[in-house]
C-alpha atoms as a PDB file:
ATOM      1  CA  MET A   1     119.513 146.934  59.275  1.00  0.00           C
ATOM      2  CA  ASP A   2     116.620 147.285  61.149  1.00  0.00           C
ATOM      3  CA  LEU A   3     117.267 149.677  64.131  1.00  0.00           C
ATOM      4  CA  ALA A   4     115.160 146.872  66.763  1.00  0.00           C
ATOM      5  CA  ILE A   5     117.359 144.273  65.336  1.00  0.00           C
ATOM      6  CA  ILE A   6     121.028 145.956  65.555  1.00  0.00           C
ATOM      7  CA  SER A   7     119.891 147.448  69.133  1.00  0.00           C
ATOM      8  CA  LYS A   8     118.387 143.617  70.151  1.00  0.00           C
ATOM      9  CA  ARG A   9     122.062 142.060  68.900  1.00  0.00           C
ATOM     10  CA  TYR A  10     124.260 144.202  70.876  1.00  0.00           C
ATOM     11  CA  ALA A  11     121.983 144.337  73.992  1.00  0.00           C
ATOM     12  CA  GLN A  12     122.282 140.668  73.810  1.00  0.00           C
ATOM     13  CA  ALA A  13     125.778 139.858  73.441  1.00  0.00           C
ATOM     14  CA  LEU A  14     126.473 142.674  76.241  1.00  0.00           C
ATOM     15  CA  PHE A  15     124.276 140.794  78.322  1.00  0.00           C
ATOM     16  CA  ASN A  16     125.194 137.178  77.540  1.00  0.00           C
ATOM     17  CA  LEU A  17     129.296 138.082  78.393  1.00  0.00           C
ATOM     18  CA  SER A  18     128.249 140.085  81.318  1.00  0.00           C
ATOM     19  CA  LEU A  19     126.327 136.671  82.350  1.00  0.00           C
ATOM     20  CA  GLU A  20     129.075 134.516  81.772  1.00  0.00           C
ATOM     21  CA  MET A  21     131.276 136.611  83.040  1.00  0.00           C
ATOM     22  CA  ASN A  22     129.606 136.906  86.544  1.00  0.00           C
ATOM     23  CA  ARG A  23     128.808 140.416  86.519  1.00  0.00           C
ATOM     24  CA  LEU A  24     125.250 140.740  85.241  1.00  0.00           C
ATOM     25  CA  GLU A  25     124.288 143.016  88.318  1.00  0.00           C
ATOM     26  CA  ARG A  26     126.739 145.667  87.856  1.00  0.00           C
ATOM     27  CA  VAL A  27     126.404 145.815  84.158  1.00  0.00           C
ATOM     28  CA  ASN A  28     122.731 146.563  84.903  1.00  0.00           C
ATOM     29  CA  ASP A  29     123.616 148.979  87.146  1.00  0.00           C
ATOM     30  CA  ASP A  30     125.797 150.404  84.308  1.00  0.00           C
ATOM     31  CA  VAL A  31     123.574 150.258  81.458  1.00  0.00           C
ATOM     32  CA  ARG A  32     120.746 152.151  83.640  1.00  0.00           C
ATOM     33  CA  LEU A  33     123.166 154.857  84.599  1.00  0.00           C
ATOM     34  CA  ILE A  34     123.904 155.165  80.877  1.00  0.00           C
ATOM     35  CA  GLN A  35     120.253 155.030  79.946  1.00  0.00           C
ATOM     36  CA  LYS A  36     119.464 157.862  82.183  1.00  0.00           C
ATOM     37  CA  VAL A  37     122.702 160.407  81.256  1.00  0.00           C
ATOM     38  CA  VAL A  38     121.658 159.397  77.463  1.00  0.00           C
ATOM     39  CA  ALA A  39     117.802 160.033  77.807  1.00  0.00           C
ATOM     40  CA  GLU A  40     117.981 163.176  80.126  1.00  0.00           C
ATOM     41  CA  ASN A  41     121.018 164.995  78.280  1.00  0.00           C
ATOM     42  CA  PRO A  42     120.191 166.042  74.448  1.00  0.00           C
ATOM     43  CA  GLN A  43     123.283 167.574  74.229  1.00  0.00           C
ATOM     44  CA  PHE A  44     125.229 164.057  74.771  1.00  0.00           C
ATOM     45  CA  ARG A  45     122.521 162.390  72.264  1.00  0.00           C
ATOM     46  CA  ARG A  46     123.431 164.979  69.459  1.00  0.00           C
ATOM     47  CA  LEU A  47     127.161 164.574  70.007  1.00  0.00           C
ATOM     48  CA  LEU A  48     127.007 160.330  69.809  1.00  0.00           C
ATOM     49  CA  LYS A  49     124.790 161.160  66.495  1.00  0.00           C
ATOM     50  CA  SER A  50     127.154 163.477  64.965  1.00  0.00           C
ATOM     51  CA  PRO A  51     129.175 162.195  62.220  1.00  0.00           C
ATOM     52  CA  VAL A  52     131.321 165.055  62.282  1.00  0.00           C
ATOM     53  CA  VAL A  53     132.673 164.093  65.542  1.00  0.00           C
ATOM     54  CA  PRO A  54     135.725 160.886  65.081  1.00  0.00           C
ATOM     55  CA  ASP A  55     135.212 158.240  66.675  1.00  0.00           C
ATOM     56  CA  GLY A  56     138.739 158.464  68.899  1.00  0.00           C
ATOM     57  CA  LYS A  57     136.968 161.717  70.109  1.00  0.00           C
ATOM     58  CA  LYS A  58     133.939 160.006  70.998  1.00  0.00           C
ATOM     59  CA  ASN A  59     135.434 157.438  72.780  1.00  0.00           C
ATOM     60  CA  ARG A  60     137.474 159.705  75.196  1.00  0.00           C
ATOM     61  CA  ILE A  61     134.307 161.726  75.712  1.00  0.00           C
ATOM     62  CA  LEU A  62     132.678 158.375  76.621  1.00  0.00           C
ATOM     63  CA  LYS A  63     135.747 157.622  79.130  1.00  0.00           C
ATOM     64  CA  GLY A  64     135.548 160.829  80.363  1.00  0.00           C
ATOM     65  CA  VAL A  65     132.110 160.733  81.041  1.00  0.00           C
ATOM     66  CA  PHE A  66     131.551 156.962  82.604  1.00  0.00           C
ATOM     67  CA  GLY A  67     135.124 155.974  82.994  1.00  0.00           C
ATOM     68  CA  SER A  68     135.362 155.914  86.679  1.00  0.00           C
ATOM     69  CA  HIS A  69     131.655 154.881  86.955  1.00  0.00           C
ATOM     70  CA  LEU A  70     131.286 151.908  84.956  1.00  0.00           C
ATOM     71  CA  ASP A  71     132.467 148.538  85.024  1.00  0.00           C
ATOM     72  CA  GLU A  72     135.680 147.464  82.559  1.00  0.00           C
ATOM     73  CA  LEU A  73     133.316 144.942  80.449  1.00  0.00           C
ATOM     74  CA  THR A  74     131.120 147.689  80.103  1.00  0.00           C
ATOM     75  CA  MET A  75     133.506 150.392  79.338  1.00  0.00           C
ATOM     76  CA  ARG A  76     134.955 148.512  76.840  1.00  0.00           C
ATOM     77  CA  PHE A  77     130.847 147.451  75.431  1.00  0.00           C
ATOM     78  CA  LEU A  78     130.923 151.353  75.023  1.00  0.00           C
ATOM     79  CA  GLN A  79     134.401 151.262  73.075  1.00  0.00           C
ATOM     80  CA  LEU A  80     133.284 148.758  70.685  1.00  0.00           C
ATOM     81  CA  ILE A  81     129.490 150.082  69.392  1.00  0.00           C
ATOM     82  CA  THR A  82     132.096 153.150  68.674  1.00  0.00           C
ATOM     83  CA  HIS A  83     134.231 151.466  67.181  1.00  0.00           C
ATOM     84  CA  LYS A  84     131.657 149.825  64.956  1.00  0.00           C
ATOM     85  CA  GLU A  85     129.611 153.523  64.961  1.00  0.00           C
ATOM     86  CA  ARG A  86     127.001 152.326  66.460  1.00  0.00           C
ATOM     87  CA  GLU A  87     126.911 154.743  69.361  1.00  0.00           C
ATOM     88  CA  VAL A  88     124.096 156.600  67.518  1.00  0.00           C
ATOM     89  CA  PHE A  89     121.966 153.671  69.083  1.00  0.00           C
ATOM     90  CA  LEU A  90     123.289 153.761  72.496  1.00  0.00           C
ATOM     91  CA  GLN A  91     119.497 154.583  73.497  1.00  0.00           C
ATOM     92  CA  GLU A  92     117.851 151.394  71.816  1.00  0.00           C
ATOM     93  CA  ILE A  93     120.597 149.385  73.111  1.00  0.00           C
ATOM     94  CA  THR A  94     120.170 149.743  76.384  1.00  0.00           C
ATOM     95  CA  ASP A  95     116.543 149.611  76.185  1.00  0.00           C
ATOM     96  CA  ALA A  96     116.917 146.283  74.829  1.00  0.00           C
ATOM     97  CA  PHE A  97     119.521 145.674  77.671  1.00  0.00           C
ATOM     98  CA  VAL A  98     116.889 146.518  80.085  1.00  0.00           C
ATOM     99  CA  THR A  99     114.166 144.550  78.400  1.00  0.00           C
ATOM    100  CA  ILE A 100     116.197 141.279  78.161  1.00  0.00           C
ATOM    101  CA  TYR A 101     117.081 141.617  81.845  1.00  0.00           C
ATOM    102  CA  LYS A 102     113.711 142.145  83.389  1.00  0.00           C
ATOM    103  CA  LYS A 103     112.666 138.819  81.188  1.00  0.00           C
ATOM    104  CA  HIS A 104     115.669 136.746  82.463  1.00  0.00           C
ATOM    105  CA  HIS A 105     114.765 138.236  85.749  1.00  0.00           C
ATOM    106  CA  ARG A 106     111.002 137.230  85.204  1.00  0.00           C
ATOM    107  CA  ILE A 107     110.057 140.947  86.071  1.00  0.00           C
ATOM    108  CA  LEU A 108     107.041 142.583  84.672  1.00  0.00           C
ATOM    109  CA  THR A 109     106.480 146.026  84.049  1.00  0.00           C
ATOM    110  CA  VAL A 110     102.803 147.000  84.942  1.00  0.00           C
ATOM    111  CA  LYS A 111     101.655 150.597  84.399  1.00  0.00           C
ATOM    112  CA  LEU A 112      98.372 151.427  86.619  1.00  0.00           C
ATOM    113  CA  THR A 113      96.339 154.608  85.660  1.00  0.00           C
ATOM    114  CA  THR A 114      93.571 155.703  88.482  1.00  0.00           C
ATOM    115  CA  ALA A 115      91.952 159.117  88.890  1.00  0.00           C
ATOM    116  CA  MET A 116      93.601 159.081  92.522  1.00  0.00           C
ATOM    117  CA  PRO A 117      96.320 157.388  93.869  1.00  0.00           C
ATOM    118  CA  LEU A 118      96.087 153.794  95.576  1.00  0.00           C
ATOM    119  CA  ASP A 119      96.009 153.510  99.120  1.00  0.00           C
ATOM    120  CA  GLU A 120      98.399 151.285 100.423  1.00  0.00           C
ATOM    121  CA  ASN A 121      96.269 148.339 101.227  1.00  0.00           C
ATOM    122  CA  THR A 122      94.685 148.192  97.823  1.00  0.00           C
ATOM    123  CA  ARG A 123      98.242 148.741  96.087  1.00  0.00           C
ATOM    124  CA  LYS A 124      99.323 145.521  98.233  1.00  0.00           C
ATOM    125  CA  ASN A 125      96.472 143.504  97.217  1.00  0.00           C
ATOM    126  CA  LEU A 126      96.704 144.357  93.788  1.00  0.00           C
ATOM    127  CA  MET A 127     100.702 143.287  93.689  1.00  0.00           C
ATOM    128  CA  GLU A 128      99.593 140.021  95.116  1.00  0.00           C
ATOM    129  CA  VAL A 129      97.198 139.059  92.622  1.00  0.00           C
ATOM    130  CA  LEU A 130      98.912 140.311  90.009  1.00  0.00           C
ATOM    131  CA  HIS A 131     102.285 138.355  91.173  1.00  0.00           C
ATOM    132  CA  ARG A 132      99.806 135.077  91.857  1.00  0.00           C
ATOM    133  CA  ASP A 133      98.131 135.077  88.454  1.00  0.00           C
ATOM    134  CA  LEU A 134     100.862 136.152  86.073  1.00  0.00           C
ATOM    135  CA  ASP A 135     103.811 134.439  88.298  1.00  0.00           C
ATOM    136  CA  TYR A 136     106.461 137.212  87.544  1.00  0.00           C
ATOM    137  CA  THR A 137     107.568 139.944  90.019  1.00  0.00           C
ATOM    138  CA  ILE A 138     105.612 143.242  89.625  1.00  0.00           C
ATOM    139  CA  GLU A 139     107.147 146.110  88.610  1.00  0.00           C
ATOM    140  CA  LEU A 140     104.520 148.675  89.752  1.00  0.00           C
ATOM    141  CA  ILE A 141     104.534 152.236  87.725  1.00  0.00           C
ATOM    142  CA  GLU A 142     101.430 154.251  88.672  1.00  0.00           C
ATOM    143  CA  LEU A 143      99.601 157.065  86.799  1.00  0.00           C
ATOM    144  CA  ILE A 144      97.110 159.831  87.577  1.00  0.00           C
ATOM    145  CA  ASP A 145      95.070 160.799  84.969  1.00  0.00           C
ATOM    146  CA  PRO A 146      91.891 162.066  86.187  1.00  0.00           C
ATOM    147  CA  ASP A 147      89.754 161.756  82.831  1.00  0.00           C
ATOM    148  CA  VAL A 148      89.583 158.050  83.995  1.00  0.00           C
ATOM    149  CA  ILE A 149      87.134 159.600  86.445  1.00  0.00           C
ATOM    150  CA  GLY A 150      87.066 156.561  88.396  1.00  0.00           C
ATOM    151  CA  GLY A 151      88.207 152.282  87.571  1.00  0.00           C
ATOM    152  CA  PHE A 152      91.775 151.494  86.647  1.00  0.00           C
ATOM    153  CA  ILE A 153      93.459 151.102  83.293  1.00  0.00           C
ATOM    154  CA  ILE A 154      96.352 148.327  83.719  1.00  0.00           C
ATOM    155  CA  ASN A 155      98.760 148.028  80.459  1.00  0.00           C
ATOM    156  CA  LEU A 156     101.189 145.290  80.396  1.00  0.00           C
ATOM    157  CA  ASP A 157     103.169 144.027  77.861  1.00  0.00           C
ATOM    158  CA  ASP A 158     101.052 144.207  75.026  1.00  0.00           C
ATOM    159  CA  LYS A 159      97.762 144.500  76.535  1.00  0.00           C
ATOM    160  CA  LYS A 160      95.695 146.120  78.112  1.00  0.00           C
ATOM    161  CA  TYR A 161      92.518 146.242  80.334  1.00  0.00           C
ATOM    162  CA  ASP A 162      90.358 149.354  80.872  1.00  0.00           C
ATOM    163  CA  ALA A 163      87.885 149.082  83.757  1.00  0.00           C
ATOM    164  CA  SER A 164      87.617 152.787  83.851  1.00  0.00           C
ATOM    165  CA  ILE A 165      84.210 154.649  84.311  1.00  0.00           C
ATOM    166  CA  ARG A 166      85.043 156.994  81.269  1.00  0.00           C
ATOM    167  CA  ARG A 167      85.546 153.664  78.961  1.00  0.00           C
ATOM    168  CA  GLN A 168      81.790 152.512  80.170  1.00  0.00           C
ATOM    169  CA  LEU A 169      80.808 156.351  79.913  1.00  0.00           C
ATOM    170  CA  ASP A 170      81.902 156.089  76.329  1.00  0.00           C
ATOM    171  CA  ARG A 171      80.592 153.025  75.357  1.00  0.00           C
ATOM    172  CA  LEU A 172      77.019 153.921  76.996  1.00  0.00           C
ATOM    173  CA  SER A 173      77.459 157.089  74.817  1.00  0.00           C
ATOM    174  CA  LYS A 174      78.002 154.924  71.489  1.00  0.00           C
ATOM    175  CA  THR A 175      75.021 152.710  72.522  1.00  0.00           C
ATOM    176  CA  PHE A 176      72.285 155.874  73.269  1.00  0.00           C
ATOM    177  CA  GLY A 177      73.816 157.572  69.638  1.00  0.00           C
ATOM    178  CA  GLU A 178      73.015 154.161  67.619  1.00  0.00           C
ATOM    179  CA  ASN A 179      69.041 154.662  66.269  1.00  0.00           C
ATOM    180  CA  LEU A 180      67.796 151.114  66.353  1.00  0.00           C
ATOM    181  CA  TYR A 181      65.038 151.857  64.244  1.00  0.00           C
ATOM    182  CA  VAL A 182      66.811 152.611  61.375  1.00  0.00           C
ATOM    183  CA  LYS A 183      68.493 150.130  58.848  1.00  0.00           C
ATOM    184  CA  GLY A 184      72.211 150.334  58.729  1.00  0.00           C
ATOM    185  CA  PHE A 185      73.675 149.146  55.306  1.00  0.00           C
END
């Protein structure tokens, strides 16, 4: 079965159950903790993906790592995916859960790339414009890239708006590179 389908189904099931049991915020915090631990520990990821380590041992390790920090629902979910041999998809499942959570709460992650950091007033104005035009709560991720030279690049969902000086220079260079007097076939 496709990785995206598996991860989305398990994430959706956890989301629906936590919403039904009024534990959504607690489970979201748990999922973000799991996401962080899995992302930052390559040895832990290798352990989860290892076919040599039996399910019972993986469950004990998960309980030892997360036991006192997670809600009972989240811990049972980890035991379920281990029992179903889906622990190898834990990173993808947590990513899918966060995506579903953000969609439910109308949170949109926007990546803004500039040559220099924005001042507070510009950041505030940008957030107001994005919130007003998109009708979402904006989660802004600021990236600094000196190659942009000036202007900015905004990425949201699968859309990209490039108003950088670098892009304008590239477009200008391409225009001057064309010979208008030679027929192109």
